[in-house]
Amino acid sequence: MRSTKERNSNFELLRIIAMLFIIFHHSIVHGLLNNNTSIGGWTPVATKVWLTTFTGQMVATLGKVAVGIFVMISGYFLVNSSINGKKSFKKILMLIVQVYLYSIIIYFVAVHFKWVNPKSTIVLQQTFLPLFYNSCWFVSEYILLYLVYPYINVALHNITRQQYRNLIIIIAITFTLVPTLVPNFGSYGWYGQLVVFILYYLIGGYIRLYGTKHECLLGTFLTIAGAALMTIVIFYYDYMGATTHNQQFYHNSFINIAGQFSPSIVLMATGIILLFKNMHLGHNRLINTIAATTFGVYLIHDNPIMEQMIWLKWLKMPALLVPNVKHYLITAVIVCPLIFIICSLIDYVRILIFNAISFIFSKFSRSK
């Protein structure tokens, strides 16, 4: 196993795949099923398109799995890290700089091309306060996790393997299984999402510190079991929605079964991590270079302005919600990788510029 300072290309490849999952996810929640009852919105599902709706929901689950994958990868690499205030501050600062950089640039581009009303309160809030108006919810949660992970590590290194495993089980039952089985048990709110992030972090850290027996076999089982369970349950709910004309079935099928608190999501993300951990790709410079742009890909394509332009204005994805699902599938298979490539190239240019600025500053500092 390589040191934490040089990440294996197998996990970097997984980061690329996970970001593709997220783009496919957004093609559904911001596009095909935008504001649809089947993903928690208010637009009723027409009976004739229930199979397309089901397909869209299944594609959308990939994004939830990807979130778990990203946080588990962080847990895997950070669990042995010690408290370093300067390093943590620099990491968080760079995240915030990237968020604001893309948010502001996209705003001015949108104003120039008249995509938005430049004086709109909502647009201004999302542009200049992106971390506080749910524009970048993942970044907000990740920063909170990054602030507390050193203290989590101290606790993890001072408990036994059995205690660590029990901690994961307790959190998993409380924050994933219970909300799924008892939907009205209570709403955990934003802190529930943070706890789920911590759960993912704990799982990634456990895999790094202790591993498990027969990881490839276990990874395959968890991935298939999680996917099969989710497919069966969502299909049942959607079928019932179509036959009874009760929209609540569609709502429950995704929000309760495929949401971030779903145990199936945890199983699938854990299984995929185990599978990729045991891949042997060596050090691949191209993969690592592309993987370094994934955060930028997220910030660009999921910007509130861009998500409206891409999925609703340009691609008109809701129009693809028709009985024949192939129209969506063909479009998504072509468009989603293309979006990744374009956004990745943009962020690669940003990285080159940042590296050049950093080199100039370091050279100037040494000359003093």
Protein backbone atom coordinates (compact mmCIF):
# COMPACT_ATOMS: atom_id res chain seq x y z
CA MET A 1 0.00 0.00 0.00
CA ARG A 2 1.30 3.43 -0.88
CA SER A 3 1.67 6.15 1.67
CA THR A 4 -1.08 8.68 2.20
CA LYS A 5 1.05 11.28 0.40
CA GLU A 6 0.84 9.46 -2.94
CA ARG A 7 -2.65 8.30 -3.68
CA ASN A 8 -3.15 5.09 -5.57
CA SER A 9 -4.54 5.49 -9.06
CA ASN A 10 -7.24 2.92 -8.31
CA PHE A 11 -8.93 5.34 -5.92
CA GLU A 12 -8.28 8.23 -8.30
CA LEU A 13 -10.05 6.26 -11.04
CA LEU A 14 -12.89 5.69 -8.61
CA ARG A 15 -13.13 9.44 -8.00
CA ILE A 16 -13.54 9.98 -11.75
CA ILE A 17 -16.25 7.32 -11.95
CA ALA A 18 -17.98 8.74 -8.87
CA MET A 19 -18.10 12.21 -10.44
CA LEU A 20 -19.64 10.70 -13.58
CA PHE A 21 -22.21 9.09 -11.28
CA ILE A 22 -22.99 12.53 -9.85
CA ILE A 23 -23.45 14.07 -13.30
CA PHE A 24 -25.86 11.27 -14.26
CA HIS A 25 -27.63 11.89 -10.94
CA HIS A 26 -28.01 15.58 -11.73
CA SER A 27 -29.34 14.76 -15.20
CA ILE A 28 -32.26 13.23 -13.32
CA VAL A 29 -32.89 15.45 -10.28
CA HIS A 30 -32.26 18.73 -12.15
CA GLY A 31 -33.42 17.46 -15.52
CA LEU A 32 -35.60 14.47 -16.36
CA LEU A 33 -37.49 14.38 -13.04
CA ASN A 34 -37.04 18.03 -12.08
CA ASN A 35 -39.63 18.90 -9.37
CA ASN A 36 -41.21 15.48 -9.90
CA THR A 37 -43.07 13.73 -7.07
CA SER A 38 -40.78 10.75 -7.56
CA ILE A 39 -37.81 12.74 -6.20
CA GLY A 40 -39.66 14.79 -3.59
CA GLY A 41 -41.12 17.50 -5.83
CA TRP A 42 -44.73 18.42 -6.54
CA THR A 43 -45.30 17.50 -10.21
CA PRO A 44 -47.43 14.30 -10.32
CA VAL A 45 -46.09 11.21 -12.10
CA ALA A 46 -48.15 10.21 -15.13
CA THR A 47 -48.99 6.50 -15.11
CA LYS A 48 -47.81 6.00 -18.70
CA VAL A 49 -44.25 7.07 -17.82
CA TRP A 50 -43.80 5.13 -14.59
CA LEU A 51 -41.16 2.81 -16.07
CA THR A 52 -39.14 5.79 -17.30
CA THR A 53 -39.57 7.33 -13.85
CA PHE A 54 -38.30 4.12 -12.26
CA THR A 55 -35.27 4.10 -14.56
CA GLY A 56 -34.57 7.73 -13.70
CA GLN A 57 -34.77 7.02 -9.99
CA MET A 58 -32.32 4.14 -10.31
CA VAL A 59 -29.87 6.35 -12.22
CA ALA A 60 -30.29 9.04 -9.57
CA THR A 61 -29.20 6.63 -6.83
CA LEU A 62 -25.73 6.63 -8.39
CA GLY A 63 -25.19 10.18 -7.16
CA LYS A 64 -26.03 9.21 -3.59
CA VAL A 65 -23.59 6.31 -3.80
CA ALA A 66 -20.94 8.67 -5.20
CA VAL A 67 -21.24 10.99 -2.18
CA GLY A 68 -20.55 8.04 0.10
CA ILE A 69 -17.60 7.01 -2.06
CA PHE A 70 -15.98 10.46 -1.94
CA VAL A 71 -16.26 10.71 1.84
CA MET A 72 -15.07 7.13 2.37
CA ILE A 73 -12.00 7.85 0.25
CA SER A 74 -11.30 10.84 2.50
CA GLY A 75 -11.65 8.63 5.57
CA TYR A 76 -9.31 6.06 4.04
CA PHE A 77 -6.55 8.61 3.47
CA LEU A 78 -7.06 10.90 6.46
CA VAL A 79 -7.59 8.40 9.28
CA ASN A 80 -3.85 8.25 10.04
CA SER A 81 -3.37 12.01 9.80
CA SER A 82 -2.54 14.04 12.89
CA ILE A 83 -3.74 17.53 13.79
CA ASN A 84 -2.06 20.13 11.61
CA GLY A 85 -3.78 23.49 11.94
CA LYS A 86 -1.83 25.18 9.17
CA LYS A 87 -2.42 22.35 6.69
CA SER A 88 -6.13 22.13 7.54
CA PHE A 89 -6.56 25.89 7.20
CA LYS A 90 -4.85 25.86 3.80
CA LYS A 91 -7.02 22.96 2.60
CA ILE A 92 -10.25 24.62 3.70
CA LEU A 93 -9.16 27.97 2.28
CA MET A 94 -8.43 26.41 -1.12
CA LEU A 95 -11.85 24.74 -1.15
CA ILE A 96 -13.56 28.04 -0.39
CA VAL A 97 -11.46 29.90 -2.98
CA GLN A 98 -12.47 27.41 -5.68
CA VAL A 99 -16.13 27.64 -4.69
CA TYR A 100 -16.18 31.44 -4.90
CA LEU A 101 -14.01 31.56 -8.01
CA TYR A 102 -16.38 29.47 -10.09
CA SER A 103 -19.49 30.95 -8.50
CA ILE A 104 -18.48 34.53 -9.33
CA ILE A 105 -17.08 33.77 -12.80
CA ILE A 106 -20.23 31.87 -13.79
CA TYR A 107 -22.38 34.73 -12.47
CA PHE A 108 -20.64 37.33 -14.63
CA VAL A 109 -20.72 35.05 -17.67
CA ALA A 110 -24.45 34.51 -17.09
CA VAL A 111 -25.04 38.25 -16.72
CA HIS A 112 -23.11 38.94 -19.93
CA PHE A 113 -25.18 36.45 -21.93
CA LYS A 114 -28.40 37.50 -20.15
CA TRP A 115 -29.04 34.05 -18.67
CA VAL A 116 -30.12 35.54 -15.33
CA ASN A 117 -31.47 38.70 -13.79
CA PRO A 118 -28.32 40.27 -12.27
CA LYS A 119 -30.37 41.93 -9.52
CA SER A 120 -32.27 38.82 -8.48
CA THR A 121 -31.96 38.33 -4.71
CA ILE A 122 -31.84 34.55 -5.03
CA VAL A 123 -29.16 34.68 -7.72
CA LEU A 124 -27.05 37.13 -5.70
CA GLN A 125 -27.37 35.03 -2.54
CA GLN A 126 -26.43 31.82 -4.35
CA THR A 127 -23.49 33.55 -6.06
CA PHE A 128 -21.91 35.44 -3.20
CA LEU A 129 -23.00 33.24 -0.28
CA PRO A 130 -22.89 29.78 -1.88
CA LEU A 131 -21.92 27.97 1.32
CA PHE A 132 -24.91 29.36 3.22
CA TYR A 133 -27.74 28.99 0.70
CA ASN A 134 -27.39 25.29 -0.09
CA SER A 135 -25.73 26.04 -3.42
CA CYS A 136 -22.78 23.84 -2.41
CA TRP A 137 -24.23 21.66 0.33
CA PHE A 138 -21.60 18.97 -0.16
CA VAL A 139 -18.77 21.48 0.33
CA SER A 140 -20.41 22.89 3.46
CA GLU A 141 -20.78 19.43 5.02
CA TYR A 142 -17.28 18.41 3.93
CA ILE A 143 -15.72 21.51 5.53
CA LEU A 144 -17.49 20.70 8.80
CA LEU A 145 -16.18 17.13 8.58
CA TYR A 146 -12.69 18.40 7.80
CA LEU A 147 -12.77 20.60 10.90
CA VAL A 148 -13.56 17.69 13.21
CA TYR A 149 -11.75 14.76 11.59
CA PRO A 150 -8.48 15.20 13.57
CA TYR A 151 -10.43 14.78 16.80
CA ILE A 152 -12.31 11.82 15.38
CA ASN A 153 -8.94 10.25 14.55
CA VAL A 154 -7.75 10.65 18.14
CA ALA A 155 -10.79 8.73 19.33
CA LEU A 156 -10.46 6.04 16.66
CA HIS A 157 -6.83 5.34 17.54
CA ASN A 158 -7.72 4.94 21.20
CA ILE A 159 -10.48 2.37 20.90
CA THR A 160 -10.31 -1.31 20.05
CA ARG A 161 -11.25 -2.79 16.70
CA GLN A 162 -14.43 -4.23 18.23
CA GLN A 163 -15.39 -0.86 19.70
CA TYR A 164 -14.74 0.79 16.33
CA ARG A 165 -16.94 -1.75 14.58
CA ASN A 166 -19.69 -1.31 17.17
CA LEU A 167 -19.58 2.46 16.70
CA ILE A 168 -20.14 2.05 12.96
CA ILE A 169 -23.03 -0.36 13.57
CA ILE A 170 -24.71 1.97 16.10
CA ILE A 171 -24.52 5.01 13.82
CA ALA A 172 -25.61 2.98 10.79
CA ILE A 173 -28.68 1.63 12.57
CA THR A 174 -29.64 4.99 14.10
CA PHE A 175 -29.10 7.19 11.06
CA THR A 176 -29.80 4.88 8.11
CA LEU A 177 -31.86 1.83 9.05
CA VAL A 178 -34.30 3.49 11.47
CA PRO A 179 -35.17 6.45 9.18
CA THR A 180 -35.77 3.99 6.32
CA LEU A 181 -37.99 1.59 8.25
CA VAL A 182 -39.77 4.32 10.21
CA PRO A 183 -39.99 7.34 7.85
CA ASN A 184 -41.90 9.43 10.42
CA PHE A 185 -39.41 8.65 13.19
CA GLY A 186 -38.06 12.18 12.89
CA SER A 187 -36.12 14.52 10.69
CA TYR A 188 -32.43 14.73 11.53
CA GLY A 189 -31.97 17.92 9.53
CA TRP A 190 -28.54 19.18 8.48
CA TYR A 191 -26.78 17.56 11.42
CA GLY A 192 -28.09 14.18 10.32
CA GLN A 193 -26.31 14.65 7.00
CA LEU A 194 -23.11 15.49 8.89
CA VAL A 195 -23.45 12.33 10.98
CA VAL A 196 -23.87 10.27 7.81
CA PHE A 197 -20.71 11.92 6.48
CA ILE A 198 -18.97 10.88 9.70
CA LEU A 199 -20.32 7.35 9.21
CA TYR A 200 -18.80 7.23 5.73
CA TYR A 201 -15.54 8.60 7.14
CA LEU A 202 -15.54 5.91 9.84
CA ILE A 203 -16.10 3.15 7.29
CA GLY A 204 -13.28 4.42 5.07
CA GLY A 205 -10.99 4.68 8.08
CA TYR A 206 -11.89 1.19 9.27
CA ILE A 207 -11.08 -0.30 5.87
CA ARG A 208 -7.68 1.46 5.99
CA LEU A 209 -6.81 0.50 9.57
CA TYR A 210 -8.13 -3.03 9.76
CA GLY A 211 -9.43 -4.19 6.41
CA THR A 212 -11.59 -7.29 6.22
CA LYS A 213 -11.25 -10.87 5.12
CA HIS A 214 -12.02 -11.72 1.50
CA GLU A 215 -12.45 -8.05 0.57
CA CYS A 216 -13.17 -8.64 -3.13
CA LEU A 217 -15.85 -11.21 -2.35
CA LEU A 218 -17.37 -9.03 0.37
CA GLY A 219 -17.24 -5.96 -1.87
CA THR A 220 -19.04 -7.80 -4.65
CA PHE A 221 -21.68 -9.08 -2.25
CA LEU A 222 -22.34 -5.69 -0.64
CA THR A 223 -22.57 -3.92 -3.99
CA ILE A 224 -24.95 -6.46 -5.52
CA ALA A 225 -27.01 -6.82 -2.33
CA GLY A 226 -27.41 -3.05 -1.94
CA ALA A 227 -28.31 -2.57 -5.61
CA ALA A 228 -30.72 -5.51 -5.66
CA LEU A 229 -32.49 -4.42 -2.48
CA MET A 230 -32.90 -0.88 -3.76
CA THR A 231 -34.08 -2.01 -7.21
CA ILE A 232 -36.71 -4.36 -5.80
CA VAL A 233 -38.08 -1.85 -3.29
CA ILE A 234 -38.18 1.12 -5.70
CA PHE A 235 -39.77 -1.03 -8.41
CA TYR A 236 -42.43 -2.20 -5.96
CA TYR A 237 -43.27 1.34 -4.83
CA ASP A 238 -43.38 2.69 -8.38
CA TYR A 239 -45.50 -0.23 -9.58
CA MET A 240 -47.93 0.38 -6.73
CA GLY A 241 -47.99 4.06 -7.61
CA ALA A 242 -48.85 3.22 -11.21
CA THR A 243 -51.57 0.69 -10.37
CA THR A 244 -53.21 2.59 -7.48
CA HIS A 245 -52.60 6.10 -8.85
CA ASN A 246 -51.35 7.08 -5.39
CA GLN A 247 -48.52 9.62 -5.75
CA GLN A 248 -47.29 8.92 -2.21
CA PHE A 249 -45.82 5.63 -3.42
CA TYR A 250 -43.59 7.47 -5.90
CA HIS A 251 -42.53 9.92 -3.21
CA ASN A 252 -41.64 7.20 -0.71
CA SER A 253 -39.79 5.11 -3.28
CA PHE A 254 -36.96 7.61 -3.65
CA ILE A 255 -36.95 9.86 -0.61
CA ASN A 256 -37.14 7.04 1.94
CA ILE A 257 -35.43 4.22 0.07
CA ALA A 258 -32.78 5.93 -2.06
CA GLY A 259 -32.01 9.03 0.00
CA GLN A 260 -28.69 9.74 1.68
CA PHE A 261 -29.92 7.96 4.83
CA SER A 262 -30.59 4.72 2.94
CA PRO A 263 -28.74 1.61 4.19
CA SER A 264 -28.64 0.37 0.58
CA ILE A 265 -26.55 3.40 -0.36
CA VAL A 266 -24.12 2.65 2.47
CA LEU A 267 -23.84 -0.99 1.40
CA MET A 268 -23.17 -0.11 -2.24
CA ALA A 269 -20.62 2.60 -1.46
CA THR A 270 -18.77 0.32 0.97
CA GLY A 271 -18.77 -2.55 -1.51
CA ILE A 272 -17.38 -0.40 -4.32
CA ILE A 273 -14.63 0.97 -2.05
CA LEU A 274 -13.58 -2.58 -1.15
CA LEU A 275 -13.48 -3.60 -4.80
CA PHE A 276 -11.36 -0.64 -5.89
CA LYS A 277 -9.04 -0.94 -2.91
CA ASN A 278 -7.94 -4.30 -4.25
CA MET A 279 -7.36 -3.15 -7.82
CA HIS A 280 -3.73 -2.81 -8.85
CA LEU A 281 -3.36 -0.02 -11.37
CA GLY A 282 -0.04 1.32 -10.16
CA HIS A 283 0.68 5.04 -10.52
CA ASN A 284 -1.08 6.40 -13.61
CA ARG A 285 -0.32 10.06 -14.23
CA LEU A 286 -3.24 10.60 -16.63
CA ILE A 287 -5.79 9.16 -14.22
CA ASN A 288 -4.40 11.21 -11.33
CA THR A 289 -4.41 14.39 -13.42
CA ILE A 290 -8.03 13.94 -14.45
CA ALA A 291 -9.05 12.98 -10.90
CA ALA A 292 -7.58 16.25 -9.61
CA THR A 293 -10.22 18.12 -11.63
CA THR A 294 -13.26 16.30 -10.24
CA PHE A 295 -14.01 18.93 -7.59
CA GLY A 296 -13.95 21.59 -10.28
CA VAL A 297 -16.26 19.47 -12.44
CA TYR A 298 -18.72 19.41 -9.54
CA LEU A 299 -18.52 23.16 -8.90
CA ILE A 300 -19.00 24.07 -12.56
CA HIS A 301 -21.78 21.77 -13.72
CA ASP A 302 -23.80 21.90 -10.47
CA ASN A 303 -23.64 25.64 -10.07
CA PRO A 304 -27.28 26.85 -9.61
CA ILE A 305 -27.10 28.90 -12.79
CA MET A 306 -25.42 26.19 -14.85
CA GLU A 307 -27.74 23.42 -13.71
CA GLN A 308 -30.69 25.45 -14.99
CA MET A 309 -28.98 26.21 -18.28
CA ILE A 310 -27.62 22.71 -18.94
CA TRP A 311 -30.55 20.50 -18.00
CA LEU A 312 -33.57 22.75 -18.57
CA LYS A 313 -32.69 25.44 -21.13
CA TRP A 314 -30.20 23.71 -23.42
CA LEU A 315 -31.00 20.00 -23.15
CA LYS A 316 -34.68 20.31 -22.14
CA MET A 317 -34.40 17.07 -20.18
CA PRO A 318 -37.96 17.07 -18.72
CA ALA A 319 -39.25 16.68 -22.30
CA LEU A 320 -37.58 13.24 -22.36
CA LEU A 321 -39.93 11.94 -19.66
CA VAL A 322 -41.86 9.80 -22.14
CA PRO A 323 -42.89 6.11 -22.12
CA ASN A 324 -39.86 5.12 -24.23
CA VAL A 325 -36.91 5.39 -21.84
CA LYS A 326 -34.30 5.04 -24.59
CA HIS A 327 -34.62 8.74 -25.45
CA TYR A 328 -33.27 9.70 -22.02
CA LEU A 329 -30.67 6.92 -21.91
CA ILE A 330 -29.15 7.78 -25.29
CA THR A 331 -29.03 11.47 -24.41
CA ALA A 332 -27.50 10.88 -20.98
CA VAL A 333 -24.86 8.42 -22.20
CA ILE A 334 -23.64 11.00 -24.72
CA VAL A 335 -24.10 14.22 -22.76
CA CYS A 336 -22.95 13.30 -19.23
CA PRO A 337 -19.40 12.20 -20.21
CA LEU A 338 -19.18 15.24 -22.49
CA ILE A 339 -20.06 17.54 -19.59
CA PHE A 340 -17.36 15.86 -17.51
CA ILE A 341 -14.74 16.34 -20.24
CA ILE A 342 -15.56 20.03 -20.81
CA CYS A 343 -15.64 20.88 -17.10
CA SER A 344 -12.48 18.85 -16.48
CA LEU A 345 -10.59 20.77 -19.17
CA ILE A 346 -11.76 24.08 -17.68
CA ASP A 347 -10.56 23.08 -14.22
CA TYR A 348 -7.27 21.78 -15.61
CA VAL A 349 -6.60 25.28 -16.95
CA ARG A 350 -7.47 26.65 -13.49
CA ILE A 351 -4.97 24.25 -11.91
CA LEU A 352 -2.22 25.33 -14.32
CA ILE A 353 -2.89 28.99 -13.50
CA PHE A 354 -2.93 28.35 -9.75
CA ASN A 355 0.30 26.34 -9.97
CA ALA A 356 1.97 29.15 -11.93
CA ILE A 357 0.88 31.73 -9.35
CA SER A 358 2.07 29.50 -6.52
CA PHE A 359 5.45 29.03 -8.24
CA ILE A 360 5.89 32.78 -8.70
CA PHE A 361 5.01 33.50 -5.07
CA SER A 362 7.35 30.79 -3.74
CA LYS A 363 10.17 32.03 -5.96
CA PHE A 364 9.56 35.60 -4.79
CA SER A 365 9.56 34.49 -1.14
CA ARG A 366 12.87 32.64 -1.52
CA SER A 367 14.48 35.67 -3.14
CA LYS A 368 13.83 37.83 -0.08
